[in-house]
Amino acid sequence: MTNNQNQIEQRYNEIGDLLNLSRNTNSETASRTQDIEYAWYVGATGNNAEGNWQDFSEQFLNEGRWENLSAPEYYTDVVNQIQPGDRIAIKASYTRKNNLPFDNNNKFVGVLSIKAIGTVLENSNDGRNIKVNWQKVDPIREWYGPGAQLRSTIHLVKAANGYIYKSLLDFTFNNGAQDYSICIDKYSDNEEEEVSETTQGMDQRDLINTQDLPIRQPRTNKDPLNFILYGAPGTGKTYSTAEYALSILENRPVDLSRKTQEARKQLMQNYNNYIKQGRIVFTTFHQNYSYEDFIQGLRPVSENSLFSFKPIDGVFKKISDKAMYDNNQPYVIIIDEINRANISKVFGELITLIEDDKRWGEINEMSVTLPSGDIFAIPNNLYIIGTMNSADKSISLIDAALRRRFKFIEQHPDSSLITDATLKNVFESLNKILAEELDSTDLLIGHSYFINRNQADLCEILNNNIIPLLYEYFYDNKKKVANVLSKVLERLSIDVCDNKISRLYVKEAENDSESL
């Protein structure tokens, strides 16, 4: 027996009392449910053509089918196990505190609404589409408490797994009544918070039902899973993430050599194709970015004219879950401006799980239970690439926990990428002076401002890009900025101008002088 199976068995034993409550079922219930050994409980929400989240229940009922919309990539094998003749129900899972048929002691209670029931007619075996003979449940019926936490897209519920699940099947397909005494016991003052239900005899059909994590093998590739590209503004960090991401996905060395315009175009085309496939996700941190945006948070929803809260997965959990069920492929999440958010708050308890040896499948693999009750781990085929402007925040000021878990790769200003001789000389002179004046390499100027430009563009580059940065670097000290500009432009026919009202600017000199 594997370690994972041992954990599953142990967890089952720990909550066995919950799943197999010593309740007596009457002969009527037994008779009604004896032919329903198991059934599939599926969700019906997903993105529409406009990219908006939508409930497709009515459409599925009208068209006599069901389609896995929310997570088709890693539920493929499970969907293909659904057989003609299997019973199936469209469900929604959420929580509620009020308007309950029992005393819940002001605790959140899991609710499972049944919108439709049916019988599978045909499975297309594409991992996504099945034909169903549907019957609408009107009004929608709600099951409360134990057994209601079926939050994933598809679940297999078996009568053999205990009284609760046998009763749920009877409730769903035979219009049976729920035994609220279970809920009354559970939400009494002395009861602890709800635990995630699991089942016995785990196989692949049970896997999604319990939300247990699949067994993974340790990595053979020991390249770092987490790294940050950092450097001065304009050093091409964001562009470099595309090259680093493709080198991971295509299992090839990183190539940061100067590329032709056609090669760069092809690289970005490949990069965008991977984004469409969902193997690369790009997000940008900002001051209001939160744990709820990144991992998971409660969002208000309206179900059956009642207001409740539903856990919605964030960008990081979505790609982590996808990578977890795709053992053979690497995945990449790119976090631009990673130091602009409160990283400790955004990552929360997952800051530990991103460590290489804590990833799922490694020797010290770890998982956590999210506030929603979902069991979550970060797989060992998900790479995290961050970017950071050293001008915004020095690495020395970054949270020590973050520094310890990431490899930092510096992106240097590179004058070799500038083809115009005058611009190259200005660029090199400017960075030399800044390094001396500021005694830091964090506040240099990147080459991207000067790439594919010529001498005729110099004033525009300085006025629109460089001078605003200099004011920031020197804390709006006009004299300091003027001194730097004068040194950089002293041999060029360009004047530094000051109209006493606005900031400094440069323009072509009226009288030609010696030029570089």
Protein backbone atom coordinates (compact mmCIF):
# COMPACT_ATOMS: atom_id res chain seq x y z
CA MET A 1 0.00 0.00 0.00
CA THR A 2 1.38 3.42 -0.98
CA ASN A 3 1.85 6.28 1.47
CA ASN A 4 -1.01 8.14 -0.21
CA GLN A 5 -3.33 5.16 0.19
CA ASN A 6 -2.31 4.83 3.81
CA GLN A 7 -3.16 8.49 4.38
CA ILE A 8 -6.53 8.02 2.69
CA GLU A 9 -7.31 4.95 4.83
CA GLN A 10 -6.24 6.75 7.98
CA ARG A 11 -8.41 9.76 7.15
CA TYR A 12 -11.34 7.47 6.43
CA ASN A 13 -10.96 5.79 9.79
CA GLU A 14 -10.76 9.15 11.54
CA ILE A 15 -14.09 10.34 10.14
CA GLY A 16 -15.76 6.97 9.84
CA ASP A 17 -18.29 7.91 12.48
CA LEU A 18 -19.41 10.77 10.28
CA LEU A 19 -19.85 8.66 7.17
CA ASN A 20 -21.37 5.61 8.81
CA LEU A 21 -23.54 7.07 11.54
CA SER A 22 -25.32 4.43 13.52
CA ARG A 23 -28.73 5.20 12.11
CA ASN A 24 -31.28 2.64 11.13
CA THR A 25 -32.77 2.90 7.69
CA ASN A 26 -36.33 1.71 7.32
CA SER A 27 -37.38 -0.90 4.78
CA GLU A 28 -39.06 1.71 2.58
CA THR A 29 -35.81 3.66 2.14
CA ALA A 30 -33.86 0.47 1.59
CA SER A 31 -36.27 -0.62 -1.08
CA ARG A 32 -36.20 2.70 -2.88
CA THR A 33 -32.41 2.89 -3.03
CA GLN A 34 -31.46 -0.72 -3.61
CA ASP A 35 -31.20 -0.20 -7.35
CA ILE A 36 -29.16 3.02 -7.09
CA GLU A 37 -25.66 1.87 -6.22
CA TYR A 38 -23.98 5.06 -7.36
CA ALA A 39 -24.59 8.26 -9.27
CA TRP A 40 -22.65 11.13 -10.79
CA TYR A 41 -23.10 14.64 -9.43
CA VAL A 42 -21.93 17.27 -11.92
CA GLY A 43 -21.71 21.04 -12.15
CA ALA A 44 -23.07 23.08 -15.05
CA THR A 45 -21.14 26.35 -14.88
CA GLY A 46 -18.35 27.61 -17.10
CA ASN A 47 -17.22 30.45 -19.31
CA ASN A 48 -19.43 31.46 -22.22
CA ALA A 49 -18.23 32.71 -25.61
CA GLU A 50 -17.68 36.18 -24.13
CA GLY A 51 -15.52 34.76 -21.36
CA ASN A 52 -18.13 35.38 -18.65
CA TRP A 53 -19.08 32.81 -16.01
CA GLN A 54 -22.50 31.28 -16.76
CA ASP A 55 -24.88 28.58 -15.54
CA PHE A 56 -25.62 26.26 -18.50
CA SER A 57 -28.20 24.08 -16.70
CA GLU A 58 -31.19 25.13 -18.80
CA GLN A 59 -29.20 24.78 -22.01
CA PHE A 60 -28.07 21.27 -21.07
CA LEU A 61 -31.64 20.26 -20.23
CA ASN A 62 -32.97 21.64 -23.52
CA GLU A 63 -30.24 19.97 -25.58
CA GLY A 64 -30.28 16.65 -23.72
CA ARG A 65 -26.61 16.63 -22.88
CA TRP A 66 -23.93 17.56 -20.33
CA GLU A 67 -20.52 19.05 -21.02
CA ASN A 68 -17.55 19.46 -18.69
CA LEU A 69 -16.90 23.18 -19.09
CA SER A 70 -15.04 24.30 -16.01
CA ALA A 71 -12.08 21.90 -15.98
CA PRO A 72 -12.07 19.70 -19.10
CA GLU A 73 -8.32 19.27 -19.09
CA TYR A 74 -7.90 17.17 -15.98
CA TYR A 75 -11.32 15.51 -15.63
CA THR A 76 -11.03 13.78 -19.00
CA ASP A 77 -10.35 10.28 -17.66
CA VAL A 78 -13.11 10.57 -15.09
CA VAL A 79 -15.73 11.70 -17.61
CA ASN A 80 -14.80 8.80 -19.88
CA GLN A 81 -15.73 6.36 -17.08
CA ILE A 82 -19.39 7.44 -17.14
CA GLN A 83 -21.44 4.67 -18.73
CA PRO A 84 -24.84 4.60 -20.50
CA GLY A 85 -27.48 3.80 -17.89
CA ASP A 86 -25.63 5.63 -15.08
CA ARG A 87 -27.72 8.03 -13.00
CA ILE A 88 -26.61 11.67 -13.05
CA ALA A 89 -27.63 14.92 -11.35
CA ILE A 90 -26.81 18.59 -11.93
CA LYS A 91 -25.81 20.15 -8.60
CA ALA A 92 -24.48 23.34 -7.09
CA SER A 93 -22.59 23.56 -3.79
CA TYR A 94 -22.43 26.59 -1.51
CA THR A 95 -22.80 27.66 2.13
CA ARG A 96 -25.51 29.39 4.12
CA LYS A 97 -26.14 30.61 7.66
CA ASN A 98 -29.82 31.57 7.52
CA ASN A 99 -33.16 30.13 6.37
CA LEU A 100 -32.30 26.56 7.39
CA PRO A 101 -34.82 23.92 8.55
CA PHE A 102 -32.82 23.19 11.75
CA ASP A 103 -30.86 25.04 14.40
CA ASN A 104 -27.35 25.60 13.05
CA ASN A 105 -26.11 27.73 15.97
CA ASN A 106 -25.18 30.54 13.60
CA LYS A 107 -22.62 28.36 11.81
CA PHE A 108 -22.09 28.18 8.06
CA VAL A 109 -23.76 25.08 6.67
CA GLY A 110 -22.87 23.34 3.44
CA VAL A 111 -25.76 23.26 0.95
CA LEU A 112 -26.11 21.02 -2.10
CA SER A 113 -28.87 22.03 -4.51
CA ILE A 114 -30.24 19.51 -7.00
CA LYS A 115 -31.32 21.21 -10.25
CA ALA A 116 -31.93 18.21 -12.51
CA ILE A 117 -31.68 14.43 -12.54
CA GLY A 118 -31.26 12.09 -15.45
CA THR A 119 -29.97 8.91 -17.02
CA VAL A 120 -26.90 8.77 -19.25
CA LEU A 121 -27.73 7.73 -22.82
CA GLU A 122 -24.37 7.93 -24.54
CA ASN A 123 -20.75 8.87 -23.79
CA SER A 124 -18.80 10.40 -26.67
CA ASN A 125 -15.53 9.29 -24.96
CA ASP A 126 -13.91 12.63 -25.70
CA GLY A 127 -13.56 13.31 -21.99
CA ARG A 128 -16.07 16.11 -22.17
CA ASN A 129 -19.52 15.39 -23.67
CA ILE A 130 -22.28 12.94 -22.78
CA LYS A 131 -25.95 12.61 -23.85
CA VAL A 132 -28.50 12.57 -21.04
CA ASN A 133 -32.23 12.09 -20.65
CA TRP A 134 -32.86 14.92 -18.20
CA GLN A 135 -35.73 15.64 -15.82
CA LYS A 136 -35.82 19.14 -14.34
CA VAL A 137 -36.16 19.41 -10.56
CA ASP A 138 -38.67 22.20 -9.98
CA PRO A 139 -38.52 23.62 -7.43
CA ILE A 140 -34.84 23.02 -6.78
CA ARG A 141 -34.26 20.77 -3.77
CA GLU A 142 -31.53 21.38 -1.18
CA TRP A 143 -29.52 18.91 0.89
CA TYR A 144 -27.83 20.29 4.03
CA GLY A 145 -24.75 19.54 6.06
CA PRO A 146 -22.76 16.27 5.78
CA GLY A 147 -22.48 15.12 2.18
CA ALA A 148 -23.10 18.59 0.74
CA GLN A 149 -19.47 19.55 0.09
CA LEU A 150 -19.35 18.38 -3.52
CA ARG A 151 -17.54 21.42 -4.87
CA SER A 152 -15.57 19.93 -7.75
CA THR A 153 -16.97 19.73 -11.26
CA ILE A 154 -17.75 16.01 -11.03
CA HIS A 155 -18.26 13.64 -8.11
CA LEU A 156 -19.09 9.95 -7.82
CA VAL A 157 -21.37 9.18 -4.89
CA LYS A 158 -21.71 5.52 -3.82
CA ALA A 159 -24.44 4.09 -1.60
CA ALA A 160 -21.92 1.61 -0.21
CA ASN A 161 -19.99 4.44 1.43
CA GLY A 162 -22.46 4.87 4.26
CA TYR A 163 -25.78 6.11 5.48
CA ILE A 164 -25.21 9.73 4.45
CA TYR A 165 -24.47 8.92 0.81
CA LYS A 166 -27.19 6.29 0.61
CA SER A 167 -29.63 8.88 1.93
CA LEU A 168 -28.34 11.52 -0.48
CA LEU A 169 -28.97 9.20 -3.43
CA ASP A 170 -32.49 8.51 -2.14
CA PHE A 171 -33.07 12.25 -1.65
CA THR A 172 -31.86 13.04 -5.17
CA PHE A 173 -33.47 10.36 -7.28
CA ASN A 174 -36.44 9.11 -5.23
CA ASN A 175 -37.59 12.37 -3.66
CA GLY A 176 -36.72 11.00 -0.25
CA ALA A 177 -36.70 13.22 2.82
CA GLN A 178 -33.45 14.23 4.53
CA ASP A 179 -32.84 13.10 8.11
CA TYR A 180 -32.13 16.47 9.78
CA SER A 181 -31.10 14.80 13.03
CA ILE A 182 -27.65 14.40 11.48
CA CYS A 183 -27.45 18.15 10.94
CA ILE A 184 -28.77 18.91 14.41
CA ASP A 185 -26.07 16.75 15.94
CA LYS A 186 -23.39 18.15 13.69
CA TYR A 187 -24.06 21.83 14.27
CA SER A 188 -24.71 21.61 17.98
CA ASP A 189 -22.59 23.79 20.24
CA ASN A 190 -20.22 20.97 21.06
CA GLU A 191 -19.61 19.91 17.50
CA GLU A 192 -16.40 20.80 15.72
CA GLU A 193 -16.29 22.39 12.25
CA GLU A 194 -17.15 20.28 9.28
CA VAL A 195 -14.44 18.05 7.84
CA SER A 196 -14.14 17.01 4.25
CA GLU A 197 -15.87 13.70 3.60
CA THR A 198 -13.87 10.87 2.09
CA THR A 199 -14.67 7.33 1.04
CA GLN A 200 -13.29 3.82 1.42
CA GLY A 201 -11.75 1.68 -1.26
CA MET A 202 -10.29 4.50 -3.33
CA ASP A 203 -10.05 4.09 -7.07
CA GLN A 204 -10.00 6.58 -9.89
CA ARG A 205 -13.77 6.94 -9.83
CA ASP A 206 -13.57 8.02 -6.20
CA LEU A 207 -10.66 10.38 -6.69
CA ILE A 208 -12.59 13.47 -7.72
CA ASN A 209 -15.33 12.77 -5.21
CA THR A 210 -13.00 13.03 -2.25
CA GLN A 211 -10.71 15.69 -3.65
CA ASP A 212 -7.70 13.61 -2.56
CA LEU A 213 -4.52 14.31 -4.43
CA PRO A 214 -3.06 11.89 -6.97
CA ILE A 215 0.17 10.05 -6.42
CA ARG A 216 3.10 11.79 -8.12
CA GLN A 217 6.69 10.80 -8.70
CA PRO A 218 9.69 12.94 -7.67
CA ARG A 219 11.21 15.17 -10.31
CA THR A 220 14.25 14.02 -12.23
CA ASN A 221 14.85 17.57 -13.50
CA LYS A 222 16.31 19.57 -10.62
CA ASP A 223 16.10 23.02 -12.20
CA PRO A 224 14.72 25.58 -9.72
CA LEU A 225 10.93 25.68 -9.56
CA ASN A 226 10.79 29.28 -8.32
CA PHE A 227 12.91 32.16 -9.57
CA ILE A 228 12.67 35.92 -9.96
CA LEU A 229 14.16 38.03 -12.76
CA TYR A 230 15.18 41.35 -11.25
CA GLY A 231 16.96 44.46 -12.43
CA ALA A 232 16.67 48.10 -13.35
CA PRO A 233 13.66 49.38 -15.32
CA GLY A 234 13.81 48.61 -19.02
CA THR A 235 16.19 45.62 -18.86
CA GLY A 236 13.70 43.35 -20.65
CA LYS A 237 12.56 41.31 -17.66
CA THR A 238 8.99 40.82 -18.84
CA TYR A 239 10.14 39.78 -22.33
CA SER A 240 12.73 37.43 -20.81
CA THR A 241 10.01 35.60 -18.89
CA ALA A 242 8.64 34.40 -22.23
CA GLU A 243 12.02 32.87 -23.14
CA TYR A 244 12.42 31.29 -19.71
CA ALA A 245 8.88 29.90 -19.81
CA LEU A 246 9.36 28.38 -23.26
CA SER A 247 12.69 26.86 -22.27
CA ILE A 248 10.85 25.06 -19.44
CA LEU A 249 7.90 23.90 -21.53
CA GLU A 250 10.08 22.85 -24.49
CA ASN A 251 12.85 21.35 -22.32
CA ARG A 252 15.66 23.33 -23.91
CA PRO A 253 18.38 25.72 -22.68
CA VAL A 254 17.54 29.38 -22.13
CA ASP A 255 18.61 31.48 -25.11
CA LEU A 256 18.91 35.16 -24.25
CA SER A 257 21.14 35.97 -27.21
CA ARG A 258 20.15 38.74 -29.49
CA LYS A 259 17.40 37.51 -31.80
CA THR A 260 16.24 38.74 -35.16
CA GLN A 261 12.89 40.46 -35.29
CA GLU A 262 11.44 37.39 -37.00
CA ALA A 263 12.79 35.08 -34.29
CA ARG A 264 11.35 37.29 -31.55
CA LYS A 265 8.00 37.28 -33.32
CA GLN A 266 8.04 33.47 -33.51
CA LEU A 267 8.96 33.21 -29.84
CA MET A 268 6.02 35.38 -28.80
CA GLN A 269 3.69 33.45 -31.08
CA ASN A 270 4.69 30.18 -29.38
CA TYR A 271 4.33 31.87 -26.00
CA ASN A 272 0.77 33.03 -26.78
CA ASN A 273 -0.16 29.55 -28.02
CA TYR A 274 0.86 28.08 -24.65
CA ILE A 275 -1.26 30.73 -22.92
CA LYS A 276 -4.27 29.65 -25.00
CA GLN A 277 -3.58 26.02 -23.99
CA GLY A 278 -3.53 27.03 -20.34
CA ARG A 279 0.05 25.89 -19.76
CA ILE A 280 1.24 29.46 -19.14
CA VAL A 281 -0.65 31.92 -16.97
CA PHE A 282 0.38 35.56 -16.68
CA THR A 283 -0.70 37.82 -13.83
CA THR A 284 0.51 41.13 -12.42
CA PHE A 285 0.70 41.90 -8.72
CA HIS A 286 -0.41 45.29 -7.42
CA GLN A 287 -1.14 46.89 -4.08
CA ASN A 288 -4.72 45.60 -3.93
CA TYR A 289 -3.88 42.06 -5.02
CA SER A 290 -5.06 39.60 -2.37
CA TYR A 291 -5.10 35.97 -1.24
CA GLU A 292 -8.66 35.76 -2.56
CA ASP A 293 -7.49 36.81 -6.05
CA PHE A 294 -4.52 34.45 -6.04
CA ILE A 295 -5.66 31.34 -4.13
CA GLN A 296 -9.35 31.23 -3.26
CA GLY A 297 -12.02 33.50 -1.83
CA LEU A 298 -15.71 33.63 -1.08
CA ARG A 299 -17.88 35.43 -3.60
CA PRO A 300 -21.57 36.28 -3.19
CA VAL A 301 -23.95 34.20 -5.34
CA SER A 302 -27.70 33.94 -5.68
CA GLU A 303 -29.09 30.40 -5.72
CA ASN A 304 -32.82 29.70 -5.76
CA SER A 305 -33.52 33.37 -4.88
CA LEU A 306 -31.38 33.04 -1.77
CA PHE A 307 -28.16 34.91 -1.14
CA SER A 308 -25.09 32.88 -0.17
CA PHE A 309 -21.32 32.75 -0.56
CA LYS A 310 -19.44 30.41 -2.86
CA PRO A 311 -15.68 29.70 -2.87
CA ILE A 312 -14.13 30.83 -6.17
CA ASP A 313 -10.66 29.65 -7.14
CA GLY A 314 -7.98 32.25 -7.86
CA VAL A 315 -5.49 32.24 -10.71
CA PHE A 316 -2.80 30.29 -8.84
CA LYS A 317 -5.10 27.55 -7.57
CA LYS A 318 -6.58 27.08 -11.04
CA ILE A 319 -3.25 26.42 -12.74
CA SER A 320 -2.02 24.36 -9.76
CA ASP A 321 -5.05 22.08 -9.99
CA LYS A 322 -4.59 21.77 -13.73
CA ALA A 323 -0.92 20.87 -13.40
CA MET A 324 -1.69 18.41 -10.57
CA TYR A 325 -3.72 16.21 -12.91
CA ASP A 326 -1.30 16.44 -15.83
CA ASN A 327 1.78 14.52 -14.75
CA ASN A 328 3.55 14.59 -18.08
CA GLN A 329 3.65 18.30 -18.80
CA PRO A 330 5.29 21.28 -17.06
CA TYR A 331 3.23 24.42 -16.34
CA VAL A 332 4.34 27.99 -15.71
CA ILE A 333 2.79 30.91 -13.87
CA ILE A 334 4.43 34.30 -14.47
CA ILE A 335 3.96 36.93 -11.77
CA ASP A 336 4.95 40.33 -13.10
CA GLU A 337 5.90 43.01 -10.54
CA ILE A 338 5.90 40.39 -7.78
CA ASN A 339 7.19 42.88 -5.20
CA ARG A 340 4.34 45.34 -5.73
CA ALA A 341 1.91 43.33 -3.58
CA ASN A 342 2.05 42.27 0.05
CA ILE A 343 3.53 38.87 -0.75
CA SER A 344 3.01 37.41 2.72
CA LYS A 345 -0.72 38.14 2.51
CA VAL A 346 -1.10 37.00 -1.10
CA PHE A 347 0.59 33.61 -0.60
CA GLY A 348 -0.62 33.09 2.95
CA GLU A 349 0.06 29.60 4.26
CA LEU A 350 1.15 28.47 0.78
CA ILE A 351 4.51 30.22 1.09
CA THR A 352 5.79 26.95 2.60
CA LEU A 353 4.25 24.73 -0.06
CA ILE A 354 6.09 26.41 -2.93
CA GLU A 355 9.47 25.10 -1.69
CA ASP A 356 11.00 22.54 -4.02
CA ASP A 357 11.00 19.69 -1.49
CA LYS A 358 7.46 20.50 -0.24
CA ARG A 359 5.90 20.18 -3.67
CA TRP A 360 3.47 17.30 -4.17
CA GLY A 361 5.46 14.29 -5.28
CA GLU A 362 8.70 15.25 -3.51
CA ILE A 363 10.15 13.69 -0.38
CA ASN A 364 8.62 16.23 2.02
CA GLU A 365 5.35 16.78 0.13
CA MET A 366 2.77 18.82 2.00
CA SER A 367 -0.86 19.78 1.57
CA VAL A 368 -3.19 22.19 3.33
CA THR A 369 -6.92 22.48 3.82
CA LEU A 370 -8.17 25.77 2.45
CA PRO A 371 -10.88 27.74 4.29
CA SER A 372 -13.42 26.24 1.86
CA GLY A 373 -12.47 22.71 2.94
CA ASP A 374 -10.63 21.94 -0.32
CA ILE A 375 -7.45 19.92 0.08
CA PHE A 376 -4.70 21.73 -1.82
CA ALA A 377 -1.07 21.11 -2.71
CA ILE A 378 1.30 22.59 -5.26
CA PRO A 379 2.50 20.01 -7.80
CA ASN A 380 6.15 19.55 -8.71
CA ASN A 381 5.55 20.36 -12.39
CA LEU A 382 4.43 23.96 -11.78
CA TYR A 383 7.12 26.63 -12.19
CA ILE A 384 6.79 30.13 -10.72
CA ILE A 385 8.58 32.97 -12.54
CA GLY A 386 8.47 36.44 -11.03
CA THR A 387 9.77 39.79 -12.20
CA MET A 388 10.87 42.63 -9.99
CA ASN A 389 12.04 46.17 -10.65
CA SER A 390 14.96 46.74 -8.32
CA ALA A 391 14.17 50.46 -8.55
CA ASP A 392 10.85 49.83 -6.77
CA LYS A 393 12.26 47.84 -3.88
CA SER A 394 15.73 46.53 -3.19
CA ILE A 395 16.12 42.79 -2.83
CA SER A 396 17.48 43.38 0.65
CA LEU A 397 14.05 44.72 1.64
CA ILE A 398 12.13 41.72 0.29
CA ASP A 399 10.61 39.39 2.85
CA ALA A 400 13.24 36.88 3.99
CA ALA A 401 10.78 34.02 3.53
CA LEU A 402 10.39 34.95 -0.12
CA ARG A 403 14.13 35.36 -0.74
CA ARG A 404 14.79 31.92 0.72
CA ARG A 405 12.30 30.22 -1.57
CA PHE A 406 13.26 31.90 -4.84
CA LYS A 407 16.38 31.98 -6.97
CA PHE A 408 17.18 35.54 -8.06
CA ILE A 409 18.52 36.12 -11.58
CA GLU A 410 19.74 39.64 -12.33
CA GLN A 411 18.93 41.25 -15.67
CA HIS A 412 21.68 43.73 -16.57
CA PRO A 413 21.49 46.78 -18.84
CA ASP A 414 23.02 45.58 -22.12
CA SER A 415 24.48 48.21 -24.44
CA SER A 416 25.27 45.58 -27.10
CA LEU A 417 21.58 45.53 -27.99
CA ILE A 418 21.67 49.23 -29.00
CA THR A 419 22.68 49.66 -32.64
CA ASP A 420 22.91 53.45 -32.88
CA ALA A 421 26.38 54.70 -31.83
CA THR A 422 25.18 57.98 -30.33
CA LEU A 423 22.41 56.32 -28.31
CA LYS A 424 24.83 53.66 -27.11
CA ASN A 425 27.29 56.30 -25.87
CA VAL A 426 24.53 58.24 -24.11
CA PHE A 427 23.24 55.01 -22.53
CA GLU A 428 26.66 53.93 -21.24
CA SER A 429 27.56 57.41 -20.00
CA LEU A 430 24.23 57.81 -18.22
CA ASN A 431 24.50 54.51 -16.34
CA LYS A 432 28.13 55.21 -15.37
CA ILE A 433 27.15 58.56 -13.84
CA LEU A 434 24.08 57.07 -12.07
CA ALA A 435 26.16 54.28 -10.55
CA GLU A 436 28.59 56.87 -9.16
CA GLU A 437 25.98 59.36 -7.97
CA LEU A 438 23.62 56.83 -6.38
CA ASP A 439 26.18 54.21 -5.35
CA SER A 440 23.77 51.48 -6.49
CA THR A 441 23.13 49.30 -9.52
CA ASP A 442 19.44 49.00 -8.62
CA LEU A 443 18.73 52.43 -10.13
CA LEU A 444 20.26 52.19 -13.58
CA ILE A 445 18.54 52.65 -16.94
CA GLY A 446 17.57 49.66 -19.04
CA HIS A 447 18.43 49.19 -22.70
CA SER A 448 14.82 48.72 -23.84
CA TYR A 449 14.32 52.51 -24.04
CA PHE A 450 17.01 52.71 -26.75
CA ILE A 451 16.46 49.51 -28.78
CA ASN A 452 15.50 49.96 -32.43
CA ARG A 453 15.86 53.76 -32.12
CA ASN A 454 18.31 56.25 -33.63
CA GLN A 455 19.90 59.61 -32.80
CA ALA A 456 16.87 61.53 -34.07
CA ASP A 457 14.81 59.95 -31.28
CA LEU A 458 17.16 61.00 -28.48
CA CYS A 459 15.26 64.06 -27.23
CA GLU A 460 11.96 62.18 -27.26
CA ILE A 461 13.51 59.27 -25.29
CA LEU A 462 15.01 61.61 -22.72
CA ASN A 463 11.93 63.79 -22.25
CA ASN A 464 9.35 60.99 -22.10
CA ASN A 465 11.25 58.17 -20.42
CA ILE A 466 14.60 59.06 -18.87
CA ILE A 467 14.02 62.47 -17.24
CA PRO A 468 10.90 61.28 -15.31
CA LEU A 469 13.01 58.39 -13.95
CA LEU A 470 15.81 60.75 -12.94
CA TYR A 471 13.37 62.91 -11.00
CA GLU A 472 12.22 59.80 -9.17
CA TYR A 473 15.77 58.64 -8.46
CA PHE A 474 16.84 62.05 -7.12
CA TYR A 475 13.62 62.77 -5.20
CA ASP A 476 12.57 65.68 -7.48
CA ASN A 477 15.89 67.48 -6.97
CA LYS A 478 16.04 69.56 -10.16
CA LYS A 479 19.68 70.57 -9.66
CA LYS A 480 20.77 66.93 -9.38
CA VAL A 481 18.85 65.99 -12.53
CA ALA A 482 20.30 68.97 -14.42
CA ASN A 483 23.81 68.02 -13.34
CA VAL A 484 23.42 64.43 -14.61
CA LEU A 485 21.93 65.55 -17.93
CA SER A 486 24.64 68.15 -18.47
CA LYS A 487 27.36 65.54 -18.00
CA VAL A 488 25.68 63.06 -20.33
CA LEU A 489 24.95 65.59 -23.09
CA GLU A 490 28.00 67.84 -22.84
CA ARG A 491 29.42 66.73 -26.19
CA LEU A 492 26.10 66.68 -28.01
CA SER A 493 24.17 69.45 -29.73
CA ILE A 494 21.35 69.19 -27.21
CA ASP A 495 20.42 71.80 -24.62
CA VAL A 496 19.02 71.22 -21.15
CA CYS A 497 16.14 73.66 -20.72
CA ASP A 498 14.31 75.04 -17.67
CA ASN A 499 11.36 77.38 -17.97
CA LYS A 500 11.19 77.75 -14.16
CA ILE A 501 7.62 76.40 -14.04
CA SER A 502 7.78 72.82 -15.30
CA ARG A 503 10.43 70.17 -14.98
CA LEU A 504 13.56 70.10 -17.07
CA TYR A 505 13.46 69.06 -20.66
CA VAL A 506 15.92 68.79 -23.56
CA LYS A 507 15.87 70.02 -27.14
CA GLU A 508 18.15 70.29 -30.12
CA ALA A 509 20.64 73.18 -29.72
CA GLU A 510 20.17 76.17 -31.96
CA ASN A 511 23.86 76.25 -32.86
CA ASP A 512 25.50 73.06 -34.03
CA SER A 513 28.40 71.85 -31.97
CA GLU A 514 30.78 68.95 -32.00
CA SER A 515 28.94 65.71 -32.08
CA LEU A 516 29.99 62.21 -31.14
